[in-house]
C-alpha atoms as a PDB file:
ATOM      1  CA  MET A   1    -126.422-119.852  45.709  1.00  0.00           C
ATOM      2  CA  PRO A   2    -123.233-121.863  45.116  1.00  0.00           C
ATOM      3  CA  VAL A   3    -121.562-123.091  48.299  1.00  0.00           C
ATOM      4  CA  THR A   4    -117.911-122.071  48.839  1.00  0.00           C
ATOM      5  CA  THR A   5    -115.292-123.142  51.350  1.00  0.00           C
ATOM      6  CA  PRO A   6    -111.772-121.797  51.837  1.00  0.00           C
ATOM      7  CA  GLY A   7    -109.463-123.272  49.231  1.00  0.00           C
ATOM      8  CA  ASN A   8    -112.263-124.981  47.299  1.00  0.00           C
ATOM      9  CA  PRO A   9    -114.074-123.803  44.202  1.00  0.00           C
ATOM     10  CA  ALA A  10    -117.772-123.038  44.378  1.00  0.00           C
ATOM     11  CA  ARG A  11    -119.984-126.087  44.335  1.00  0.00           C
ATOM     12  CA  PRO A  12    -123.166-125.948  42.244  1.00  0.00           C
ATOM     13  CA  GLY A  13    -126.382-125.514  44.153  1.00  0.00           C
ATOM     14  CA  ILE A  14    -129.493-127.685  43.783  1.00  0.00           C
ATOM     15  CA  ALA A  15    -131.118-125.403  41.219  1.00  0.00           C
ATOM     16  CA  GLU A  16    -127.998-125.380  39.075  1.00  0.00           C
ATOM     17  CA  LEU A  17    -127.684-129.171  39.251  1.00  0.00           C
ATOM     18  CA  ALA A  18    -131.319-129.548  38.203  1.00  0.00           C
ATOM     19  CA  ASP A  19    -130.734-127.188  35.314  1.00  0.00           C
ATOM     20  CA  ARG A  20    -127.719-129.183  34.161  1.00  0.00           C
ATOM     21  CA  ARG A  21    -129.686-132.419  34.257  1.00  0.00           C
ATOM     22  CA  ALA A  22    -132.539-130.853  32.318  1.00  0.00           C
ATOM     23  CA  ARG A  23    -130.032-129.938  29.619  1.00  0.00           C
ATOM     24  CA  ASP A  24    -128.651-133.475  29.445  1.00  0.00           C
ATOM     25  CA  PRO A  25    -130.392-135.073  26.418  1.00  0.00           C
ATOM     26  CA  ALA A  26    -128.975-138.558  26.993  1.00  0.00           C
ATOM     27  CA  ARG A  27    -130.198-138.598  30.583  1.00  0.00           C
ATOM     28  CA  GLN A  28    -133.646-137.383  29.614  1.00  0.00           C
ATOM     29  CA  LEU A  29    -133.880-139.936  26.819  1.00  0.00           C
ATOM     30  CA  ALA A  30    -132.918-142.722  29.209  1.00  0.00           C
ATOM     31  CA  LEU A  31    -135.627-141.586  31.610  1.00  0.00           C
ATOM     32  CA  ARG A  32    -138.231-141.577  28.850  1.00  0.00           C
ATOM     33  CA  ASN A  33    -137.171-145.044  27.726  1.00  0.00           C
ATOM     34  CA  THR A  34    -137.343-146.305  31.292  1.00  0.00           C
ATOM     35  CA  ALA A  35    -140.842-144.861  31.635  1.00  0.00           C
ATOM     36  CA  ILE A  36    -142.000-146.686  28.493  1.00  0.00           C
ATOM     37  CA  VAL A  37    -140.543-150.006  29.647  1.00  0.00           C
ATOM     38  CA  ALA A  38    -141.908-149.608  33.164  1.00  0.00           C
ATOM     39  CA  GLY A  39    -145.312-148.552  31.871  1.00  0.00           C
ATOM     40  CA  GLY A  40    -145.577-151.533  29.531  1.00  0.00           C
ATOM     41  CA  THR A  41    -144.494-153.909  32.284  1.00  0.00           C
ATOM     42  CA  ALA A  42    -147.026-152.431  34.696  1.00  0.00           C
ATOM     43  CA  VAL A  43    -149.895-152.722  32.208  1.00  0.00           C
ATOM     44  CA  VAL A  44    -149.163-156.377  31.408  1.00  0.00           C
ATOM     45  CA  GLY A  45    -148.585-157.177  35.081  1.00  0.00           C
ATOM     46  CA  ALA A  46    -151.862-155.569  36.125  1.00  0.00           C
ATOM     47  CA  TYR A  47    -153.751-157.410  33.392  1.00  0.00           C
ATOM     48  CA  GLY A  48    -152.136-160.685  34.442  1.00  0.00           C
ATOM     49  CA  LEU A  49    -153.079-160.231  38.100  1.00  0.00           C
ATOM     50  CA  ALA A  50    -156.652-159.401  37.094  1.00  0.00           C
ATOM     51  CA  ARG A  51    -157.169-162.148  34.504  1.00  0.00           C
ATOM     52  CA  TRP A  52    -154.482-164.851  34.639  1.00  0.00           C
ATOM     53  CA  TRP A  53    -153.136-165.179  38.166  1.00  0.00           C
ATOM     54  CA  GLN A  54    -156.250-164.728  40.269  1.00  0.00           C
ATOM     55  CA  ASP A  55    -155.658-168.089  41.977  1.00  0.00           C
ATOM     56  CA  GLY A  56    -152.285-166.953  43.266  1.00  0.00           C
ATOM     57  CA  PHE A  57    -148.942-168.755  43.362  1.00  0.00           C
ATOM     58  CA  ASP A  58    -147.551-171.773  45.169  1.00  0.00           C
ATOM     59  CA  GLY A  59    -143.807-171.149  44.946  1.00  0.00           C
ATOM     60  CA  ARG A  60    -143.026-174.212  42.815  1.00  0.00           C
ATOM     61  CA  PHE A  61    -141.914-173.796  39.203  1.00  0.00           C
ATOM     62  CA  LYS A  62    -143.904-176.126  36.914  1.00  0.00           C
ATOM     63  CA  THR A  63    -143.690-176.792  33.171  1.00  0.00           C
ATOM     64  CA  THR A  64    -145.997-178.421  30.658  1.00  0.00           C
ATOM     65  CA  ASN A  65    -145.819-179.673  27.080  1.00  0.00           C
ATOM     66  CA  GLU A  66    -148.843-178.141  25.341  1.00  0.00           C
ATOM     67  CA  GLY A  67    -148.066-179.244  21.789  1.00  0.00           C
ATOM     68  CA  TRP A  68    -148.577-177.067  18.749  1.00  0.00           C
ATOM     69  CA  PHE A  69    -151.460-177.160  16.232  1.00  0.00           C
ATOM     70  CA  SER A  70    -152.883-180.686  16.360  1.00  0.00           C
ATOM     71  CA  GLN A  71    -156.526-181.440  17.067  1.00  0.00           C
ATOM     72  CA  ASP A  72    -155.724-182.995  20.440  1.00  0.00           C
ATOM     73  CA  THR A  73    -154.236-179.786  21.873  1.00  0.00           C
ATOM     74  CA  ASP A  74    -156.228-177.478  24.132  1.00  0.00           C
ATOM     75  CA  TYR A  75    -156.950-174.843  21.482  1.00  0.00           C
ATOM     76  CA  GLY A  76    -155.829-176.252  18.159  1.00  0.00           C
ATOM     77  CA  GLY A  77    -152.872-173.884  17.989  1.00  0.00           C
ATOM     78  CA  ALA A  78    -154.937-170.681  18.120  1.00  0.00           C
ATOM     79  CA  ASP A  79    -153.274-169.876  21.444  1.00  0.00           C
ATOM     80  CA  LYS A  80    -149.833-170.349  19.887  1.00  0.00           C
ATOM     81  CA  LEU A  81    -150.611-167.932  17.076  1.00  0.00           C
ATOM     82  CA  GLY A  82    -152.007-165.611  19.709  1.00  0.00           C
ATOM     83  CA  HIS A  83    -148.660-165.566  21.502  1.00  0.00           C
ATOM     84  CA  ALA A  84    -146.832-164.857  18.251  1.00  0.00           C
ATOM     85  CA  TYR A  85    -149.275-162.131  17.267  1.00  0.00           C
ATOM     86  CA  ILE A  86    -149.333-160.245  20.575  1.00  0.00           C
ATOM     87  CA  ASN A  87    -145.528-160.091  20.582  1.00  0.00           C
ATOM     88  CA  TYR A  88    -145.452-159.052  16.933  1.00  0.00           C
ATOM     89  CA  ALA A  89    -148.054-156.340  17.534  1.00  0.00           C
ATOM     90  CA  ASN A  90    -146.259-155.160  20.646  1.00  0.00           C
ATOM     91  CA  VAL A  91    -143.044-154.568  18.687  1.00  0.00           C
ATOM     92  CA  ARG A  92    -144.957-152.738  15.952  1.00  0.00           C
ATOM     93  CA  LEU A  93    -146.658-150.465  18.505  1.00  0.00           C
ATOM     94  CA  LEU A  94    -143.671-149.851  20.766  1.00  0.00           C
ATOM     95  CA  THR A  95    -141.291-148.925  17.946  1.00  0.00           C
ATOM     96  CA  PRO A  96    -143.012-145.620  17.049  1.00  0.00           C
ATOM     97  CA  LEU A  97    -143.477-144.912  20.749  1.00  0.00           C
ATOM     98  CA  PHE A  98    -139.734-145.205  21.360  1.00  0.00           C
ATOM     99  CA  GLN A  99    -139.152-143.025  18.292  1.00  0.00           C
ATOM    100  CA  THR A 100    -141.483-140.370  19.673  1.00  0.00           C
ATOM    101  CA  ALA A 101    -139.404-140.456  22.853  1.00  0.00           C
ATOM    102  CA  GLY A 102    -136.396-139.382  20.791  1.00  0.00           C
ATOM    103  CA  ASN A 103    -134.647-142.607  19.769  1.00  0.00           C
ATOM    104  CA  SER A 104    -133.462-143.341  16.254  1.00  0.00           C
ATOM    105  CA  HIS A 105    -135.501-145.845  14.291  1.00  0.00           C
ATOM    106  CA  GLN A 106    -132.825-148.516  14.622  1.00  0.00           C
ATOM    107  CA  ALA A 107    -132.546-147.994  18.365  1.00  0.00           C
ATOM    108  CA  SER A 108    -136.347-147.957  18.679  1.00  0.00           C
ATOM    109  CA  VAL A 109    -136.671-151.310  16.934  1.00  0.00           C
ATOM    110  CA  ARG A 110    -134.025-152.814  19.204  1.00  0.00           C
ATOM    111  CA  LEU A 111    -135.649-151.420  22.329  1.00  0.00           C
ATOM    112  CA  ALA A 112    -139.105-152.571  21.241  1.00  0.00           C
ATOM    113  CA  GLY A 113    -137.855-156.089  20.538  1.00  0.00           C
ATOM    114  CA  LEU A 114    -135.952-156.439  23.807  1.00  0.00           C
ATOM    115  CA  THR A 115    -138.783-154.937  25.855  1.00  0.00           C
ATOM    116  CA  THR A 116    -141.352-157.229  24.279  1.00  0.00           C
ATOM    117  CA  VAL A 117    -139.336-160.412  24.710  1.00  0.00           C
ATOM    118  CA  GLY A 118    -138.440-159.430  28.264  1.00  0.00           C
ATOM    119  CA  ILE A 119    -142.013-158.731  29.335  1.00  0.00           C
ATOM    120  CA  PHE A 120    -143.609-161.799  27.796  1.00  0.00           C
ATOM    121  CA  THR A 121    -140.826-164.167  28.831  1.00  0.00           C
ATOM    122  CA  ALA A 122    -141.367-162.904  32.366  1.00  0.00           C
ATOM    123  CA  VAL A 123    -145.087-163.646  31.993  1.00  0.00           C
ATOM    124  CA  GLU A 124    -144.277-167.246  31.061  1.00  0.00           C
ATOM    125  CA  VAL A 125    -141.955-167.589  34.056  1.00  0.00           C
ATOM    126  CA  VAL A 126    -144.654-166.219  36.368  1.00  0.00           C
ATOM    127  CA  ASP A 127    -147.076-168.736  34.834  1.00  0.00           C
ATOM    128  CA  GLY A 128    -144.658-171.436  35.967  1.00  0.00           C
ATOM    129  CA  TYR A 129    -145.122-170.368  39.582  1.00  0.00           C
ATOM    130  CA  SER A 130    -148.885-169.837  39.391  1.00  0.00           C
ATOM    131  CA  ARG A 131    -151.426-172.324  40.701  1.00  0.00           C
ATOM    132  CA  LYS A 132    -153.503-172.349  37.521  1.00  0.00           C
ATOM    133  CA  TYR A 133    -150.922-172.322  34.711  1.00  0.00           C
ATOM    134  CA  ARG A 134    -147.563-173.827  33.835  1.00  0.00           C
ATOM    135  CA  PHE A 135    -144.503-172.604  31.974  1.00  0.00           C
ATOM    136  CA  SER A 136    -144.972-173.624  28.331  1.00  0.00           C
ATOM    137  CA  PRO A 137    -141.847-173.876  26.141  1.00  0.00           C
ATOM    138  CA  GLN A 138    -144.081-173.652  23.083  1.00  0.00           C
ATOM    139  CA  ASP A 139    -145.577-170.364  24.266  1.00  0.00           C
ATOM    140  CA  ALA A 140    -142.143-168.971  25.068  1.00  0.00           C
ATOM    141  CA  LEU A 141    -140.832-169.887  21.606  1.00  0.00           C
ATOM    142  CA  MET A 142    -143.843-168.349  19.866  1.00  0.00           C
ATOM    143  CA  ASN A 143    -143.343-165.157  21.887  1.00  0.00           C
ATOM    144  CA  VAL A 144    -139.776-164.870  20.613  1.00  0.00           C
ATOM    145  CA  ALA A 145    -140.802-165.785  17.054  1.00  0.00           C
ATOM    146  CA  GLY A 146    -143.517-163.128  17.000  1.00  0.00           C
ATOM    147  CA  ALA A 147    -141.199-160.447  18.379  1.00  0.00           C
ATOM    148  CA  ALA A 148    -138.488-161.405  15.874  1.00  0.00           C
ATOM    149  CA  PHE A 149    -140.979-161.123  13.017  1.00  0.00           C
ATOM    150  CA  GLY A 150    -141.991-157.696  14.285  1.00  0.00           C
ATOM    151  CA  VAL A 151    -138.340-156.613  14.366  1.00  0.00           C
ATOM    152  CA  LEU A 152    -137.841-157.906  10.821  1.00  0.00           C
ATOM    153  CA  MET A 153    -140.849-156.014   9.492  1.00  0.00           C
ATOM    154  CA  GLU A 154    -139.844-152.812  11.275  1.00  0.00           C
ATOM    155  CA  SER A 155    -136.314-153.149   9.870  1.00  0.00           C
ATOM    156  CA  ARG A 156    -137.317-153.893   6.274  1.00  0.00           C
ATOM    157  CA  GLN A 157    -139.671-151.314   4.787  1.00  0.00           C
ATOM    158  CA  ASP A 158    -139.763-153.256   1.521  1.00  0.00           C
ATOM    159  CA  LEU A 159    -141.219-156.283   3.320  1.00  0.00           C
ATOM    160  CA  ASP A 160    -143.567-154.170   5.406  1.00  0.00           C
ATOM    161  CA  ASP A 161    -144.979-152.648   2.212  1.00  0.00           C
ATOM    162  CA  LYS A 162    -145.771-156.122   0.911  1.00  0.00           C
ATOM    163  CA  PHE A 163    -146.974-158.158   3.888  1.00  0.00           C
ATOM    164  CA  ASP A 164    -149.056-157.858   7.062  1.00  0.00           C
ATOM    165  CA  PHE A 165    -149.723-160.211   9.976  1.00  0.00           C
ATOM    166  CA  ARG A 166    -153.280-159.512  11.101  1.00  0.00           C
ATOM    167  CA  PHE A 167    -155.825-160.497  13.692  1.00  0.00           C
ATOM    168  CA  ALA A 168    -159.568-160.826  13.111  1.00  0.00           C
ATOM    169  CA  TYR A 169    -162.128-161.499  15.803  1.00  0.00           C
ATOM    170  CA  ARG A 170    -165.773-162.398  15.876  1.00  0.00           C
ATOM    171  CA  PRO A 171    -167.256-163.676  19.162  1.00  0.00           C
ATOM    172  CA  SER A 172    -167.903-167.397  19.055  1.00  0.00           C
ATOM    173  CA  PRO A 173    -171.450-168.660  19.807  1.00  0.00           C
ATOM    174  CA  GLY A 174    -172.252-168.355  23.501  1.00  0.00           C
ATOM    175  CA  SER A 175    -169.254-166.162  24.210  1.00  0.00           C
ATOM    176  CA  GLY A 176    -169.158-162.523  25.165  1.00  0.00           C
ATOM    177  CA  PHE A 177    -166.757-160.046  23.607  1.00  0.00           C
ATOM    178  CA  GLU A 178    -163.399-161.404  24.782  1.00  0.00           C
ATOM    179  CA  PRO A 179    -160.833-161.060  21.973  1.00  0.00           C
ATOM    180  CA  PHE A 180    -157.869-162.348  24.016  1.00  0.00           C
ATOM    181  CA  GLY A 181    -159.544-165.342  25.664  1.00  0.00           C
ATOM    182  CA  ASP A 182    -162.142-166.484  23.114  1.00  0.00           C
ATOM    183  CA  TYR A 183    -159.820-168.624  20.976  1.00  0.00           C
ATOM    184  CA  SER A 184    -162.668-169.994  18.847  1.00  0.00           C
ATOM    185  CA  GLY A 185    -163.463-166.484  17.634  1.00  0.00           C
ATOM    186  CA  GLN A 186    -159.900-165.640  16.597  1.00  0.00           C
ATOM    187  CA  ARG A 187    -158.541-165.776  13.063  1.00  0.00           C
ATOM    188  CA  TYR A 188    -154.920-165.080  12.138  1.00  0.00           C
ATOM    189  CA  LEU A 189    -153.995-163.957   8.644  1.00  0.00           C
ATOM    190  CA  MET A 190    -150.865-163.404   6.606  1.00  0.00           C
ATOM    191  CA  VAL A 191    -151.699-160.793   3.991  1.00  0.00           C
ATOM    192  CA  ALA A 192    -149.903-159.904   0.754  1.00  0.00           C
ATOM    193  CA  LYS A 193    -150.678-156.418  -0.578  1.00  0.00           C
ATOM    194  CA  ALA A 194    -150.612-155.916  -4.344  1.00  0.00           C
ATOM    195  CA  ASP A 195    -149.671-152.273  -3.760  1.00  0.00           C
ATOM    196  CA  GLY A 196    -146.336-153.396  -2.328  1.00  0.00           C
ATOM    197  CA  PHE A 197    -145.199-154.909  -5.625  1.00  0.00           C
ATOM    198  CA  ASP A 198    -144.099-152.467  -8.331  1.00  0.00           C
ATOM    199  CA  ALA A 199    -145.569-154.431 -11.232  1.00  0.00           C
ATOM    200  CA  LEU A 200    -148.979-154.737  -9.551  1.00  0.00           C
ATOM    201  CA  ARG A 201    -149.145-151.200  -8.185  1.00  0.00           C
ATOM    202  CA  ARG A 202    -149.365-149.779 -11.696  1.00  0.00           C
ATOM    203  CA  ILE A 203    -152.523-151.759 -12.507  1.00  0.00           C
ATOM    204  CA  PRO A 204    -155.407-149.414 -11.543  1.00  0.00           C
ATOM    205  CA  VAL A 205    -157.810-151.895  -9.923  1.00  0.00           C
ATOM    206  CA  LEU A 206    -155.384-154.549  -8.740  1.00  0.00           C
ATOM    207  CA  ARG A 207    -153.398-152.101  -6.616  1.00  0.00           C
ATOM    208  CA  TYR A 208    -156.317-151.870  -4.194  1.00  0.00           C
ATOM    209  CA  LEU A 209    -156.485-155.623  -3.599  1.00  0.00           C
ATOM    210  CA  GLU A 210    -154.755-157.863  -1.084  1.00  0.00           C
ATOM    211  CA  PHE A 211    -154.616-161.629  -0.756  1.00  0.00           C
ATOM    212  CA  SER A 212    -154.522-163.546   2.496  1.00  0.00           C
ATOM    213  CA  VAL A 213    -154.063-166.997   3.957  1.00  0.00           C
ATOM    214  CA  GLY A 214    -155.423-167.593   7.438  1.00  0.00           C
ATOM    215  CA  TYR A 215    -155.973-170.121  10.187  1.00  0.00           C
ATOM    216  CA  GLN A 216    -158.764-170.585  12.704  1.00  0.00           C
ATOM    217  CA  ALA A 217    -159.515-173.283  15.278  1.00  0.00           C
ATOM    218  CA  ARG A 218    -163.041-173.527  16.667  1.00  0.00           C
ATOM    219  CA  GLY A 219    -165.038-175.652  19.082  1.00  0.00           C
ATOM    220  CA  PHE A 220    -162.146-176.386  21.446  1.00  0.00           C
ATOM    221  CA  GLU A 221    -164.130-175.261  24.468  1.00  0.00           C
ATOM    222  CA  PRO A 222    -165.718-178.066  26.557  1.00  0.00           C
ATOM    223  CA  GLY A 223    -168.523-179.711  24.588  1.00  0.00           C
ATOM    224  CA  GLY A 224    -167.621-178.005  21.315  1.00  0.00           C
ATOM    225  CA  GLU A 225    -167.185-179.634  17.917  1.00  0.00           C
ATOM    226  CA  ARG A 226    -163.514-179.281  17.180  1.00  0.00           C
ATOM    227  CA  ARG A 227    -162.464-178.104  13.749  1.00  0.00           C
ATOM    228  CA  ARG A 228    -159.480-176.368  12.212  1.00  0.00           C
ATOM    229  CA  ASP A 229    -159.758-174.373   8.999  1.00  0.00           C
ATOM    230  CA  ILE A 230    -157.393-172.830   6.480  1.00  0.00           C
ATOM    231  CA  TYR A 231    -158.686-169.694   4.727  1.00  0.00           C
ATOM    232  CA  LEU A 232    -157.851-168.023   1.437  1.00  0.00           C
ATOM    233  CA  GLY A 233    -159.134-164.501   1.047  1.00  0.00           C
ATOM    234  CA  VAL A 234    -159.310-161.482  -1.249  1.00  0.00           C
ATOM    235  CA  GLY A 235    -159.863-158.065   0.281  1.00  0.00           C
ATOM    236  CA  LEU A 236    -159.386-154.323  -0.015  1.00  0.00           C
ATOM    237  CA  ASN A 237    -156.193-152.525   0.947  1.00  0.00           C
ATOM    238  CA  LEU A 238    -157.629-149.857   3.236  1.00  0.00           C
ATOM    239  CA  SER A 239    -154.309-148.036   3.606  1.00  0.00           C
ATOM    240  CA  ARG A 240    -154.019-147.515  -0.143  1.00  0.00           C
ATOM    241  CA  LEU A 241    -157.675-146.459  -0.384  1.00  0.00           C
ATOM    242  CA  LEU A 242    -157.119-143.927   2.394  1.00  0.00           C
ATOM    243  CA  ALA A 243    -153.946-142.579   0.799  1.00  0.00           C
ATOM    244  CA  ASP A 244    -155.530-142.110  -2.625  1.00  0.00           C
ATOM    245  CA  SER A 245    -158.782-140.650  -1.331  1.00  0.00           C
ATOM    246  CA  ALA A 246    -157.512-138.313   1.408  1.00  0.00           C
ATOM    247  CA  TYR A 247    -153.742-137.823   1.074  1.00  0.00           C
ATOM    248  CA  GLY A 248    -153.100-137.345  -2.631  1.00  0.00           C
ATOM    249  CA  GLY A 249    -151.668-140.833  -2.999  1.00  0.00           C
ATOM    250  CA  GLN A 250    -149.011-140.345  -0.291  1.00  0.00           C
ATOM    251  CA  MET A 251    -148.535-143.162   2.222  1.00  0.00           C
ATOM    252  CA  HIS A 252    -147.649-142.536   5.901  1.00  0.00           C
ATOM    253  CA  SER A 253    -147.534-138.765   5.357  1.00  0.00           C
ATOM    254  CA  THR A 254    -148.969-137.500   8.662  1.00  0.00           C
ATOM    255  CA  PRO A 255    -149.097-138.793  12.259  1.00  0.00           C
ATOM    256  CA  VAL A 256    -152.828-139.452  11.934  1.00  0.00           C
ATOM    257  CA  GLN A 257    -152.345-141.368   8.686  1.00  0.00           C
ATOM    258  CA  ARG A 258    -149.462-143.369  10.156  1.00  0.00           C
ATOM    259  CA  ALA A 259    -151.531-144.325  13.189  1.00  0.00           C
ATOM    260  CA  THR A 260    -154.442-145.350  10.960  1.00  0.00           C
ATOM    261  CA  ASP A 261    -152.157-147.349   8.695  1.00  0.00           C
ATOM    262  CA  ARG A 262    -150.753-149.203  11.710  1.00  0.00           C
ATOM    263  CA  MET A 263    -154.282-150.144  12.755  1.00  0.00           C
ATOM    264  CA  PHE A 264    -154.986-151.439   9.231  1.00  0.00           C
ATOM    265  CA  ASP A 265    -151.678-153.349   9.321  1.00  0.00           C
ATOM    266  CA  LEU A 266    -152.567-155.182  12.526  1.00  0.00           C
ATOM    267  CA  LEU A 267    -156.336-155.704  12.392  1.00  0.00           C
ATOM    268  CA  GLN A 268    -158.395-157.335   9.677  1.00  0.00           C
ATOM    269  CA  PHE A 269    -161.607-155.415   9.064  1.00  0.00           C
ATOM    270  CA  PRO A 270    -164.625-157.095   7.391  1.00  0.00           C
ATOM    271  CA  THR A 271    -163.564-156.032   3.896  1.00  0.00           C
ATOM    272  CA  ALA A 272    -162.556-159.460   2.541  1.00  0.00           C
ATOM    273  CA  VAL A 273    -164.235-162.584   1.239  1.00  0.00           C
ATOM    274  CA  TYR A 274    -162.882-166.054   2.058  1.00  0.00           C
ATOM    275  CA  ALA A 275    -162.912-169.631   0.903  1.00  0.00           C
ATOM    276  CA  ASN A 276    -162.033-172.172   3.551  1.00  0.00           C
ATOM    277  CA  LYS A 277    -160.855-175.764   3.720  1.00  0.00           C
ATOM    278  CA  ARG A 278    -161.593-177.798   6.817  1.00  0.00           C
ATOM    279  CA  LEU A 279    -158.633-179.770   8.146  1.00  0.00           C
ATOM    280  CA  ASP A 280    -160.675-182.013  10.467  1.00  0.00           C
END
């Protein structure tokens, strides 16, 4: 019941206040956004404590110059592309999540970009205080570059229809299944989809093809034979095949199709053939 005092209007009770808050869309949206940000931060933090920061911290902030893609770096640049890719993928996955929470697409892209850069910049800072790692300016820059590319692709549907940034993984010899840590098994690809270009889409066979250029560094583990390779590939556009075979030619028409398309956008399945050129 509302509480009244002489000379004062009735004050709302707890139940009425709760009802008002439940009817406040902006407040509820802010809570959902906060939950997404907090959840993402918690997941990355938990993974870091389990896999990266097991040796603890020493309280001193340390930096290192890791270089970029040369043969004398620790991983031949595969780790740098990994930083760019994980930030790119994070933006592409968080954007629809923020939209589902009730944000506009533009606001969702902004939130996904800021959340991604914030989380992974924090990871680099924590690395600086850890006993095992150091803050790497190169890693931090690649994080921002990957997130920015994700924001660009989410903001420009015309570019997203034409290009993908994908990750392929095959365990390297002697390694278990460890996609994030087995750098020698990672391949990063920039893919151009014929279906995204009006002139090519109208050609019956060509519309199902895509063309890629990729990079892989192998043998950078102790005792390995170091080599860096550039790849050129031709493959099948699985999103277009799915649309034509199951959705009457419509792209991104249902939640299930959109989720499947996002998986095809981010991961390279074994549906391509490659020619490679060794750099070393």
